[in-house]
Amino acid sequence: ALRESMTSSLGENGYKGLFKLVSLIGLVLIVYGYGQAKIASSSVNPQ
């Protein structure tokens, strides 16, 4: 229901574009945040 409401308001390509953009932002934050956690813990693999 949520997906259909988003595709009806944004269109199929708009929904896919938003999905890709938010996924990419999340992935970049994960990578950058992991790097920051690695620096803060000063070990090879932060726990």
ModelCIF file with pLDDT and N, C-alpha, C, O atoms, coordinates in Angstrom:
data_MODEL
#
_entry.id   MODEL 
#
_entity.id                         1 
_entity.type                       polymer 
_entity.pdbx_number_of_molecules   1 
#
_entity_poly.entity_id                      1 
_entity_poly.type                           'polypeptide(L)' 
_entity_poly.nstd_linkage                   no 
_entity_poly.nstd_monomer                   no 
_entity_poly.pdbx_seq_one_letter_code       ALRESMTSSLGENGYKGLFKLVSLIGLVLIVYGYGQAKIASSSVNPQ 
_entity_poly.pdbx_seq_one_letter_code_can   ALRESMTSSLGENGYKGLFKLVSLIGLVLIVYGYGQAKIASSSVNPQ 
_entity_poly.pdbx_strand_id                 A 
#
loop_
_entity_poly_seq.entity_id 
_entity_poly_seq.num 
_entity_poly_seq.mon_id 
_entity_poly_seq.hetero 
1 1  ALA n 
1 2  LEU n 
1 3  ARG n 
1 4  GLU n 
1 5  SER n 
1 6  MET n 
1 7  THR n 
1 8  SER n 
1 9  SER n 
1 10 LEU n 
1 11 GLY n 
1 12 GLU n 
1 13 ASN n 
1 14 GLY n 
1 15 TYR n 
1 16 LYS n 
1 17 GLY n 
1 18 LEU n 
1 19 PHE n 
1 20 LYS n 
1 21 LEU n 
1 22 VAL n 
1 23 SER n 
1 24 LEU n 
1 25 ILE n 
1 26 GLY n 
1 27 LEU n 
1 28 VAL n 
1 29 LEU n 
1 30 ILE n 
1 31 VAL n 
1 32 TYR n 
1 33 GLY n 
1 34 TYR n 
1 35 GLY n 
1 36 GLN n 
1 37 ALA n 
1 38 LYS n 
1 39 ILE n 
1 40 ALA n 
1 41 SER n 
1 42 SER n 
1 43 SER n 
1 44 VAL n 
1 45 ASN n 
1 46 PRO n 
1 47 GLN n 
#
_struct_asym.id          A 
_struct_asym.entity_id   1 
#
loop_
_ma_qa_metric.id 
_ma_qa_metric.mode 
_ma_qa_metric.name 
_ma_qa_metric.software_group_id 
_ma_qa_metric.type 
1 global pLDDT . pLDDT 
2 local  pLDDT . pLDDT 
#
_ma_qa_metric_global.metric_id      1 
_ma_qa_metric_global.metric_value   90.38 
_ma_qa_metric_global.model_id       1 
_ma_qa_metric_global.ordinal_id     1 
#
loop_
_ma_qa_metric_local.label_asym_id 
_ma_qa_metric_local.label_comp_id 
_ma_qa_metric_local.label_seq_id 
_ma_qa_metric_local.metric_id 
_ma_qa_metric_local.metric_value 
_ma_qa_metric_local.model_id 
_ma_qa_metric_local.ordinal_id 
A ALA 1  2 95.00 1 1  
A LEU 2  2 94.00 1 2  
A ARG 3  2 94.00 1 3  
A GLU 4  2 95.00 1 4  
A SER 5  2 94.00 1 5  
A MET 6  2 93.00 1 6  
A THR 7  2 94.00 1 7  
A SER 8  2 95.00 1 8  
A SER 9  2 95.00 1 9  
A LEU 10 2 94.00 1 10 
A GLY 11 2 95.00 1 11 
A GLU 12 2 94.00 1 12 
A ASN 13 2 96.00 1 13 
A GLY 14 2 96.00 1 14 
A TYR 15 2 95.00 1 15 
A LYS 16 2 96.00 1 16 
A GLY 17 2 97.00 1 17 
A LEU 18 2 96.00 1 18 
A PHE 19 2 97.00 1 19 
A LYS 20 2 97.00 1 20 
A LEU 21 2 97.00 1 21 
A VAL 22 2 97.00 1 22 
A SER 23 2 97.00 1 23 
A LEU 24 2 98.00 1 24 
A ILE 25 2 98.00 1 25 
A GLY 26 2 97.00 1 26 
A LEU 27 2 97.00 1 27 
A VAL 28 2 97.00 1 28 
A LEU 29 2 97.00 1 29 
A ILE 30 2 95.00 1 30 
A VAL 31 2 95.00 1 31 
A TYR 32 2 94.00 1 32 
A GLY 33 2 92.00 1 33 
A TYR 34 2 88.00 1 34 
A GLY 35 2 87.00 1 35 
A GLN 36 2 87.00 1 36 
A ALA 37 2 84.00 1 37 
A LYS 38 2 80.00 1 38 
A ILE 39 2 81.00 1 39 
A ALA 40 2 78.00 1 40 
A SER 41 2 72.00 1 41 
A SER 42 2 71.00 1 42 
A SER 43 2 68.00 1 43 
A VAL 44 2 72.00 1 44 
A ASN 45 2 75.00 1 45 
A PRO 46 2 75.00 1 46 
A GLN 47 2 77.00 1 47 
#
loop_
_atom_site.group_PDB 
_atom_site.id 
_atom_site.type_symbol 
_atom_site.label_atom_id 
_atom_site.label_alt_id 
_atom_site.label_comp_id 
_atom_site.label_asym_id 
_atom_site.label_entity_id 
_atom_site.label_seq_id 
_atom_site.pdbx_PDB_ins_code 
_atom_site.Cartn_x 
_atom_site.Cartn_y 
_atom_site.Cartn_z 
_atom_site.occupancy 
_atom_site.B_iso_or_equiv 
_atom_site.pdbx_formal_charge 
_atom_site.auth_seq_id 
_atom_site.auth_comp_id 
_atom_site.auth_asym_id 
_atom_site.auth_atom_id 
_atom_site.pdbx_PDB_model_num 
ATOM 1   N N  . ALA A 1 1  ? 0.827  -1.205 0.000   1.00 95.00 ? 1  ALA A N  1 
ATOM 2   C CA . ALA A 1 1  ? 0.000  0.000  0.000   1.00 95.00 ? 1  ALA A CA 1 
ATOM 3   C C  . ALA A 1 1  ? 0.863  1.258  0.000   1.00 95.00 ? 1  ALA A C  1 
ATOM 4   O O  . ALA A 1 1  ? 0.566  2.216  -0.713  1.00 95.00 ? 1  ALA A O  1 
ATOM 5   N N  . LEU A 1 2  ? 1.920  1.257  0.789   1.00 94.00 ? 2  LEU A N  1 
ATOM 6   C CA . LEU A 1 2  ? 2.824  2.409  0.839   1.00 94.00 ? 2  LEU A CA 1 
ATOM 7   C C  . LEU A 1 2  ? 3.550  2.585  -0.483  1.00 94.00 ? 2  LEU A C  1 
ATOM 8   O O  . LEU A 1 2  ? 3.680  3.701  -0.986  1.00 94.00 ? 2  LEU A O  1 
ATOM 9   N N  . ARG A 1 3  ? 4.020  1.482  -1.042  1.00 94.00 ? 3  ARG A N  1 
ATOM 10  C CA . ARG A 1 3  ? 4.731  1.565  -2.323  1.00 94.00 ? 3  ARG A CA 1 
ATOM 11  C C  . ARG A 1 3  ? 3.806  2.074  -3.428  1.00 94.00 ? 3  ARG A C  1 
ATOM 12  O O  . ARG A 1 3  ? 4.212  2.906  -4.239  1.00 94.00 ? 3  ARG A O  1 
ATOM 13  N N  . GLU A 1 4  ? 2.591  1.590  -3.466  1.00 95.00 ? 4  GLU A N  1 
ATOM 14  C CA . GLU A 1 4  ? 1.659  2.036  -4.507  1.00 95.00 ? 4  GLU A CA 1 
ATOM 15  C C  . GLU A 1 4  ? 1.293  3.500  -4.349  1.00 95.00 ? 4  GLU A C  1 
ATOM 16  O O  . GLU A 1 4  ? 1.147  4.210  -5.344  1.00 95.00 ? 4  GLU A O  1 
ATOM 17  N N  . SER A 1 5  ? 1.141  3.964  -3.112  1.00 94.00 ? 5  SER A N  1 
ATOM 18  C CA . SER A 1 5  ? 0.837  5.385  -2.913  1.00 94.00 ? 5  SER A CA 1 
ATOM 19  C C  . SER A 1 5  ? 2.010  6.259  -3.339  1.00 94.00 ? 5  SER A C  1 
ATOM 20  O O  . SER A 1 5  ? 1.815  7.349  -3.878  1.00 94.00 ? 5  SER A O  1 
ATOM 21  N N  . MET A 1 6  ? 3.230  5.781  -3.096  1.00 93.00 ? 6  MET A N  1 
ATOM 22  C CA . MET A 1 6  ? 4.406  6.555  -3.514  1.00 93.00 ? 6  MET A CA 1 
ATOM 23  C C  . MET A 1 6  ? 4.554  6.557  -5.033  1.00 93.00 ? 6  MET A C  1 
ATOM 24  O O  . MET A 1 6  ? 4.879  7.586  -5.625  1.00 93.00 ? 6  MET A O  1 
ATOM 25  N N  . THR A 1 7  ? 4.318  5.411  -5.662  1.00 94.00 ? 7  THR A N  1 
ATOM 26  C CA . THR A 1 7  ? 4.430  5.369  -7.123  1.00 94.00 ? 7  THR A CA 1 
ATOM 27  C C  . THR A 1 7  ? 3.315  6.163  -7.794  1.00 94.00 ? 7  THR A C  1 
ATOM 28  O O  . THR A 1 7  ? 3.521  6.715  -8.875  1.00 94.00 ? 7  THR A O  1 
ATOM 29  N N  . SER A 1 8  ? 2.135  6.232  -7.174  1.00 95.00 ? 8  SER A N  1 
ATOM 30  C CA . SER A 1 8  ? 1.059  7.016  -7.778  1.00 95.00 ? 8  SER A CA 1 
ATOM 31  C C  . SER A 1 8  ? 1.323  8.511  -7.659  1.00 95.00 ? 8  SER A C  1 
ATOM 32  O O  . SER A 1 8  ? 0.949  9.280  -8.545  1.00 95.00 ? 8  SER A O  1 
ATOM 33  N N  . SER A 1 9  ? 1.968  8.932  -6.563  1.00 95.00 ? 9  SER A N  1 
ATOM 34  C CA . SER A 1 9  ? 2.245  10.360 -6.414  1.00 95.00 ? 9  SER A CA 1 
ATOM 35  C C  . SER A 1 9  ? 3.532  10.784 -7.114  1.00 95.00 ? 9  SER A C  1 
ATOM 36  O O  . SER A 1 9  ? 3.606  11.897 -7.634  1.00 95.00 ? 9  SER A O  1 
ATOM 37  N N  . LEU A 1 10 ? 4.550  9.917  -7.140  1.00 94.00 ? 10 LEU A N  1 
ATOM 38  C CA . LEU A 1 10 ? 5.838  10.275 -7.748  1.00 94.00 ? 10 LEU A CA 1 
ATOM 39  C C  . LEU A 1 10 ? 6.008  9.713  -9.155  1.00 94.00 ? 10 LEU A C  1 
ATOM 40  O O  . LEU A 1 10 ? 6.855  10.191 -9.909  1.00 94.00 ? 10 LEU A O  1 
ATOM 41  N N  . GLY A 1 11 ? 5.227  8.722  -9.514  1.00 95.00 ? 11 GLY A N  1 
ATOM 42  C CA . GLY A 1 11 ? 5.446  8.011  -10.763 1.00 95.00 ? 11 GLY A CA 1 
ATOM 43  C C  . GLY A 1 11 ? 6.456  6.900  -10.537 1.00 95.00 ? 11 GLY A C  1 
ATOM 44  O O  . GLY A 1 11 ? 7.195  6.918  -9.553  1.00 95.00 ? 11 GLY A O  1 
ATOM 45  N N  . GLU A 1 12 ? 6.489  5.933  -11.443 1.00 94.00 ? 12 GLU A N  1 
ATOM 46  C CA . GLU A 1 12 ? 7.403  4.792  -11.286 1.00 94.00 ? 12 GLU A CA 1 
ATOM 47  C C  . GLU A 1 12 ? 8.861  5.236  -11.274 1.00 94.00 ? 12 GLU A C  1 
ATOM 48  O O  . GLU A 1 12 ? 9.634  4.814  -10.414 1.00 94.00 ? 12 GLU A O  1 
ATOM 49  N N  . ASN A 1 13 ? 9.235  6.085  -12.224 1.00 96.00 ? 13 ASN A N  1 
ATOM 50  C CA . ASN A 1 13 ? 10.628 6.546  -12.280 1.00 96.00 ? 13 ASN A CA 1 
ATOM 51  C C  . ASN A 1 13 ? 10.973 7.449  -11.105 1.00 96.00 ? 13 ASN A C  1 
ATOM 52  O O  . ASN A 1 13 ? 12.099 7.412  -10.609 1.00 96.00 ? 13 ASN A O  1 
ATOM 53  N N  . GLY A 1 14 ? 10.021 8.258  -10.653 1.00 96.00 ? 14 GLY A N  1 
ATOM 54  C CA . GLY A 1 14 ? 10.262 9.105  -9.490  1.00 96.00 ? 14 GLY A CA 1 
ATOM 55  C C  . GLY A 1 14 ? 10.487 8.289  -8.233  1.00 96.00 ? 14 GLY A C  1 
ATOM 56  O O  . GLY A 1 14 ? 11.373 8.586  -7.432  1.00 96.00 ? 14 GLY A O  1 
ATOM 57  N N  . TYR A 1 15 ? 9.673  7.255  -8.072  1.00 95.00 ? 15 TYR A N  1 
ATOM 58  C CA . TYR A 1 15 ? 9.831  6.362  -6.919  1.00 95.00 ? 15 TYR A CA 1 
ATOM 59  C C  . TYR A 1 15 ? 11.194 5.669  -6.961  1.00 95.00 ? 15 TYR A C  1 
ATOM 60  O O  . TYR A 1 15 ? 11.900 5.606  -5.955  1.00 95.00 ? 15 TYR A O  1 
ATOM 61  N N  . LYS A 1 16 ? 11.548 5.157  -8.123  1.00 96.00 ? 16 LYS A N  1 
ATOM 62  C CA . LYS A 1 16 ? 12.838 4.467  -8.243  1.00 96.00 ? 16 LYS A CA 1 
ATOM 63  C C  . LYS A 1 16 ? 13.999 5.430  -8.005  1.00 96.00 ? 16 LYS A C  1 
ATOM 64  O O  . LYS A 1 16 ? 14.992 5.069  -7.372  1.00 96.00 ? 16 LYS A O  1 
ATOM 65  N N  . GLY A 1 17 ? 13.872 6.650  -8.512  1.00 97.00 ? 17 GLY A N  1 
ATOM 66  C CA . GLY A 1 17 ? 14.921 7.642  -8.296  1.00 97.00 ? 17 GLY A CA 1 
ATOM 67  C C  . GLY A 1 17 ? 15.060 8.001  -6.822  1.00 97.00 ? 17 GLY A C  1 
ATOM 68  O O  . GLY A 1 17 ? 16.174 8.100  -6.308  1.00 97.00 ? 17 GLY A O  1 
ATOM 69  N N  . LEU A 1 18 ? 13.928 8.195  -6.140  1.00 96.00 ? 18 LEU A N  1 
ATOM 70  C CA . LEU A 1 18 ? 13.965 8.493  -4.707  1.00 96.00 ? 18 LEU A CA 1 
ATOM 71  C C  . LEU A 1 18 ? 14.548 7.320  -3.931  1.00 96.00 ? 18 LEU A C  1 
ATOM 72  O O  . LEU A 1 18 ? 15.335 7.514  -3.005  1.00 96.00 ? 18 LEU A O  1 
ATOM 73  N N  . PHE A 1 19 ? 14.162 6.104  -4.306  1.00 97.00 ? 19 PHE A N  1 
ATOM 74  C CA . PHE A 1 19 ? 14.678 4.896  -3.657  1.00 97.00 ? 19 PHE A CA 1 
ATOM 75  C C  . PHE A 1 19 ? 16.199 4.830  -3.807  1.00 97.00 ? 19 PHE A C  1 
ATOM 76  O O  . PHE A 1 19 ? 16.912 4.566  -2.839  1.00 97.00 ? 19 PHE A O  1 
ATOM 77  N N  . LYS A 1 20 ? 16.683 5.069  -5.009  1.00 97.00 ? 20 LYS A N  1 
ATOM 78  C CA . LYS A 1 20 ? 18.125 5.019  -5.247  1.00 97.00 ? 20 LYS A CA 1 
ATOM 79  C C  . LYS A 1 20 ? 18.855 6.107  -4.476  1.00 97.00 ? 20 LYS A C  1 
ATOM 80  O O  . LYS A 1 20 ? 19.916 5.859  -3.904  1.00 97.00 ? 20 LYS A O  1 
ATOM 81  N N  . LEU A 1 21 ? 18.288 7.319  -4.458  1.00 97.00 ? 21 LEU A N  1 
ATOM 82  C CA . LEU A 1 21 ? 18.931 8.440  -3.780  1.00 97.00 ? 21 LEU A CA 1 
ATOM 83  C C  . LEU A 1 21 ? 19.010 8.206  -2.273  1.00 97.00 ? 21 LEU A C  1 
ATOM 84  O O  . LEU A 1 21 ? 20.066 8.400  -1.671  1.00 97.00 ? 21 LEU A O  1 
ATOM 85  N N  . VAL A 1 22 ? 17.912 7.795  -1.667  1.00 97.00 ? 22 VAL A N  1 
ATOM 86  C CA . VAL A 1 22 ? 17.912 7.563  -0.220  1.00 97.00 ? 22 VAL A CA 1 
ATOM 87  C C  . VAL A 1 22 ? 18.811 6.382  0.132   1.00 97.00 ? 22 VAL A C  1 
ATOM 88  O O  . VAL A 1 22 ? 19.495 6.414  1.155   1.00 97.00 ? 22 VAL A O  1 
ATOM 89  N N  . SER A 1 23 ? 18.822 5.346  -0.694  1.00 97.00 ? 23 SER A N  1 
ATOM 90  C CA . SER A 1 23 ? 19.718 4.203  -0.454  1.00 97.00 ? 23 SER A CA 1 
ATOM 91  C C  . SER A 1 23 ? 21.173 4.633  -0.527  1.00 97.00 ? 23 SER A C  1 
ATOM 92  O O  . SER A 1 23 ? 21.987 4.226  0.301   1.00 97.00 ? 23 SER A O  1 
ATOM 93  N N  . LEU A 1 24 ? 21.497 5.444  -1.505  1.00 98.00 ? 24 LEU A N  1 
ATOM 94  C CA . LEU A 1 24 ? 22.879 5.920  -1.660  1.00 98.00 ? 24 LEU A CA 1 
ATOM 95  C C  . LEU A 1 24 ? 23.286 6.803  -0.490  1.00 98.00 ? 24 LEU A C  1 
ATOM 96  O O  . LEU A 1 24 ? 24.401 6.687  0.019   1.00 98.00 ? 24 LEU A O  1 
ATOM 97  N N  . ILE A 1 25 ? 22.389 7.686  -0.059  1.00 98.00 ? 25 ILE A N  1 
ATOM 98  C CA . ILE A 1 25 ? 22.702 8.541  1.098   1.00 98.00 ? 25 ILE A CA 1 
ATOM 99  C C  . ILE A 1 25 ? 22.926 7.674  2.333   1.00 98.00 ? 25 ILE A C  1 
ATOM 100 O O  . ILE A 1 25 ? 23.870 7.908  3.088   1.00 98.00 ? 25 ILE A O  1 
ATOM 101 N N  . GLY A 1 26 ? 22.069 6.675  2.548   1.00 97.00 ? 26 GLY A N  1 
ATOM 102 C CA . GLY A 1 26 ? 22.242 5.772  3.677   1.00 97.00 ? 26 GLY A CA 1 
ATOM 103 C C  . GLY A 1 26 ? 23.553 5.018  3.613   1.00 97.00 ? 26 GLY A C  1 
ATOM 104 O O  . GLY A 1 26 ? 24.234 4.866  4.627   1.00 97.00 ? 26 GLY A O  1 
ATOM 105 N N  . LEU A 1 27 ? 23.914 4.544  2.427   1.00 97.00 ? 27 LEU A N  1 
ATOM 106 C CA . LEU A 1 27 ? 25.168 3.811  2.264   1.00 97.00 ? 27 LEU A CA 1 
ATOM 107 C C  . LEU A 1 27 ? 26.376 4.707  2.527   1.00 97.00 ? 27 LEU A C  1 
ATOM 108 O O  . LEU A 1 27 ? 27.333 4.292  3.181   1.00 97.00 ? 27 LEU A O  1 
ATOM 109 N N  . VAL A 1 28 ? 26.329 5.935  2.017   1.00 97.00 ? 28 VAL A N  1 
ATOM 110 C CA . VAL A 1 28 ? 27.431 6.879  2.257   1.00 97.00 ? 28 VAL A CA 1 
ATOM 111 C C  . VAL A 1 28 ? 27.561 7.170  3.754   1.00 97.00 ? 28 VAL A C  1 
ATOM 112 O O  . VAL A 1 28 ? 28.673 7.222  4.279   1.00 97.00 ? 28 VAL A O  1 
ATOM 113 N N  . LEU A 1 29 ? 26.430 7.359  4.443   1.00 97.00 ? 29 LEU A N  1 
ATOM 114 C CA . LEU A 1 29 ? 26.483 7.597  5.885   1.00 97.00 ? 29 LEU A CA 1 
ATOM 115 C C  . LEU A 1 29 ? 27.039 6.392  6.637   1.00 97.00 ? 29 LEU A C  1 
ATOM 116 O O  . LEU A 1 29 ? 27.763 6.556  7.619   1.00 97.00 ? 29 LEU A O  1 
ATOM 117 N N  . ILE A 1 30 ? 26.709 5.190  6.189   1.00 95.00 ? 30 ILE A N  1 
ATOM 118 C CA . ILE A 1 30 ? 27.252 3.986  6.826   1.00 95.00 ? 30 ILE A CA 1 
ATOM 119 C C  . ILE A 1 30 ? 28.766 3.937  6.676   1.00 95.00 ? 30 ILE A C  1 
ATOM 120 O O  . ILE A 1 30 ? 29.487 3.695  7.644   1.00 95.00 ? 30 ILE A O  1 
ATOM 121 N N  . VAL A 1 31 ? 29.238 4.166  5.469   1.00 95.00 ? 31 VAL A N  1 
ATOM 122 C CA . VAL A 1 31 ? 30.688 4.095  5.216   1.00 95.00 ? 31 VAL A CA 1 
ATOM 123 C C  . VAL A 1 31 ? 31.418 5.195  5.974   1.00 95.00 ? 31 VAL A C  1 
ATOM 124 O O  . VAL A 1 31 ? 32.434 4.940  6.620   1.00 95.00 ? 31 VAL A O  1 
ATOM 125 N N  . TYR A 1 32 ? 30.899 6.423  5.895   1.00 94.00 ? 32 TYR A N  1 
ATOM 126 C CA . TYR A 1 32 ? 31.544 7.543  6.574   1.00 94.00 ? 32 TYR A CA 1 
ATOM 127 C C  . TYR A 1 32 ? 31.483 7.364  8.091   1.00 94.00 ? 32 TYR A C  1 
ATOM 128 O O  . TYR A 1 32 ? 32.467 7.626  8.782   1.00 94.00 ? 32 TYR A O  1 
ATOM 129 N N  . GLY A 1 33 ? 30.344 6.923  8.611   1.00 92.00 ? 33 GLY A N  1 
ATOM 130 C CA . GLY A 1 33 ? 30.202 6.700  10.046  1.00 92.00 ? 33 GLY A CA 1 
ATOM 131 C C  . GLY A 1 33 ? 31.103 5.592  10.545  1.00 92.00 ? 33 GLY A C  1 
ATOM 132 O O  . GLY A 1 33 ? 31.650 5.688  11.644  1.00 92.00 ? 33 GLY A O  1 
ATOM 133 N N  . TYR A 1 34 ? 31.269 4.533  9.750   1.00 88.00 ? 34 TYR A N  1 
ATOM 134 C CA . TYR A 1 34 ? 32.189 3.462  10.134  1.00 88.00 ? 34 TYR A CA 1 
ATOM 135 C C  . TYR A 1 34 ? 33.621 3.985  10.180  1.00 88.00 ? 34 TYR A C  1 
ATOM 136 O O  . TYR A 1 34 ? 34.393 3.638  11.074  1.00 88.00 ? 34 TYR A O  1 
ATOM 137 N N  . GLY A 1 35 ? 33.963 4.822  9.208   1.00 87.00 ? 35 GLY A N  1 
ATOM 138 C CA . GLY A 1 35 ? 35.303 5.423  9.215   1.00 87.00 ? 35 GLY A CA 1 
ATOM 139 C C  . GLY A 1 35 ? 35.526 6.287  10.443  1.00 87.00 ? 35 GLY A C  1 
ATOM 140 O O  . GLY A 1 35 ? 36.604 6.263  11.038  1.00 87.00 ? 35 GLY A O  1 
ATOM 141 N N  . GLN A 1 36 ? 34.512 7.048  10.824  1.00 87.00 ? 36 GLN A N  1 
ATOM 142 C CA . GLN A 1 36 ? 34.626 7.877  12.018  1.00 87.00 ? 36 GLN A CA 1 
ATOM 143 C C  . GLN A 1 36 ? 34.746 7.008  13.270  1.00 87.00 ? 36 GLN A C  1 
ATOM 144 O O  . GLN A 1 36 ? 35.519 7.336  14.171  1.00 87.00 ? 36 GLN A O  1 
ATOM 145 N N  . ALA A 1 37 ? 34.004 5.920  13.341  1.00 84.00 ? 37 ALA A N  1 
ATOM 146 C CA . ALA A 1 37 ? 34.084 5.021  14.491  1.00 84.00 ? 37 ALA A CA 1 
ATOM 147 C C  . ALA A 1 37 ? 35.454 4.350  14.559  1.00 84.00 ? 37 ALA A C  1 
ATOM 148 O O  . ALA A 1 37 ? 35.979 4.094  15.642  1.00 84.00 ? 37 ALA A O  1 
ATOM 149 N N  . LYS A 1 38 ? 36.019 4.074  13.397  1.00 80.00 ? 38 LYS A N  1 
ATOM 150 C CA . LYS A 1 38 ? 37.351 3.464  13.349  1.00 80.00 ? 38 LYS A CA 1 
ATOM 151 C C  . LYS A 1 38 ? 38.408 4.428  13.871  1.00 80.00 ? 38 LYS A C  1 
ATOM 152 O O  . LYS A 1 38 ? 39.317 4.031  14.599  1.00 80.00 ? 38 LYS A O  1 
ATOM 153 N N  . ILE A 1 39 ? 38.282 5.697  13.493  1.00 81.00 ? 39 ILE A N  1 
ATOM 154 C CA . ILE A 1 39 ? 39.224 6.715  13.960  1.00 81.00 ? 39 ILE A CA 1 
ATOM 155 C C  . ILE A 1 39 ? 39.073 6.927  15.463  1.00 81.00 ? 39 ILE A C  1 
ATOM 156 O O  . ILE A 1 39 ? 40.068 7.049  16.177  1.00 81.00 ? 39 ILE A O  1 
ATOM 157 N N  . ALA A 1 40 ? 37.834 6.972  15.945  1.00 78.00 ? 40 ALA A N  1 
ATOM 158 C CA . ALA A 1 40 ? 37.588 7.224  17.360  1.00 78.00 ? 40 ALA A CA 1 
ATOM 159 C C  . ALA A 1 40 ? 38.095 6.086  18.238  1.00 78.00 ? 40 ALA A C  1 
ATOM 160 O O  . ALA A 1 40 ? 38.568 6.332  19.347  1.00 78.00 ? 40 ALA A O  1 
ATOM 161 N N  . SER A 1 41 ? 38.005 4.856  17.766  1.00 72.00 ? 41 SER A N  1 
ATOM 162 C CA . SER A 1 41 ? 38.430 3.728  18.596  1.00 72.00 ? 41 SER A CA 1 
ATOM 163 C C  . SER A 1 41 ? 39.920 3.434  18.436  1.00 72.00 ? 41 SER A C  1 
ATOM 164 O O  . SER A 1 41 ? 40.495 2.698  19.237  1.00 72.00 ? 41 SER A O  1 
ATOM 165 N N  . SER A 1 42 ? 40.538 3.997  17.422  1.00 71.00 ? 42 SER A N  1 
ATOM 166 C CA . SER A 1 42 ? 41.962 3.818  17.118  1.00 71.00 ? 42 SER A CA 1 
ATOM 167 C C  . SER A 1 42 ? 42.375 2.340  17.096  1.00 71.00 ? 42 SER A C  1 
ATOM 168 O O  . SER A 1 42 ? 43.465 1.988  17.547  1.00 71.00 ? 42 SER A O  1 
ATOM 169 N N  . SER A 1 43 ? 41.510 1.495  16.577  1.00 68.00 ? 43 SER A N  1 
ATOM 170 C CA . SER A 1 43 ? 41.870 0.096  16.373  1.00 68.00 ? 43 SER A CA 1 
ATOM 171 C C  . SER A 1 43 ? 41.513 -0.275 14.938  1.00 68.00 ? 43 SER A C  1 
ATOM 172 O O  . SER A 1 43 ? 40.836 0.479  14.239  1.00 68.00 ? 43 SER A O  1 
ATOM 173 N N  . VAL A 1 44 ? 41.973 -1.432 14.517  1.00 72.00 ? 44 VAL A N  1 
ATOM 174 C CA . VAL A 1 44 ? 41.750 -1.839 13.138  1.00 72.00 ? 44 VAL A CA 1 
ATOM 175 C C  . VAL A 1 44 ? 40.268 -2.060 12.863  1.00 72.00 ? 44 VAL A C  1 
ATOM 176 O O  . VAL A 1 44 ? 39.741 -1.557 11.871  1.00 72.00 ? 44 VAL A O  1 
ATOM 177 N N  . ASN A 1 45 ? 39.600 -2.797 13.721  1.00 75.00 ? 45 ASN A N  1 
ATOM 178 C CA . ASN A 1 45 ? 38.171 -3.059 13.580  1.00 75.00 ? 45 ASN A CA 1 
ATOM 179 C C  . ASN A 1 45 ? 37.458 -2.627 14.856  1.00 75.00 ? 45 ASN A C  1 
ATOM 180 O O  . ASN A 1 45 ? 37.565 -3.294 15.885  1.00 75.00 ? 45 ASN A O  1 
ATOM 181 N N  . PRO A 1 46 ? 36.734 -1.519 14.793  1.00 75.00 ? 46 PRO A N  1 
ATOM 182 C CA . PRO A 1 46 ? 36.039 -1.086 16.015  1.00 75.00 ? 46 PRO A CA 1 
ATOM 183 C C  . PRO A 1 46 ? 34.920 -2.049 16.377  1.00 75.00 ? 46 PRO A C  1 
ATOM 184 O O  . PRO A 1 46 ? 34.199 -2.533 15.504  1.00 75.00 ? 46 PRO A O  1 
ATOM 185 N N  . GLN A 1 47 ? 34.780 -2.322 17.653  1.00 77.00 ? 47 GLN A N  1 
ATOM 186 C CA . GLN A 1 47 ? 33.729 -3.213 18.115  1.00 77.00 ? 47 GLN A CA 1 
ATOM 187 C C  . GLN A 1 47 ? 32.513 -2.352 18.406  1.00 77.00 ? 47 GLN A C  1 
ATOM 188 O O  . GLN A 1 47 ? 31.473 -2.870 18.816  1.00 77.00 ? 47 GLN A O  1 
#
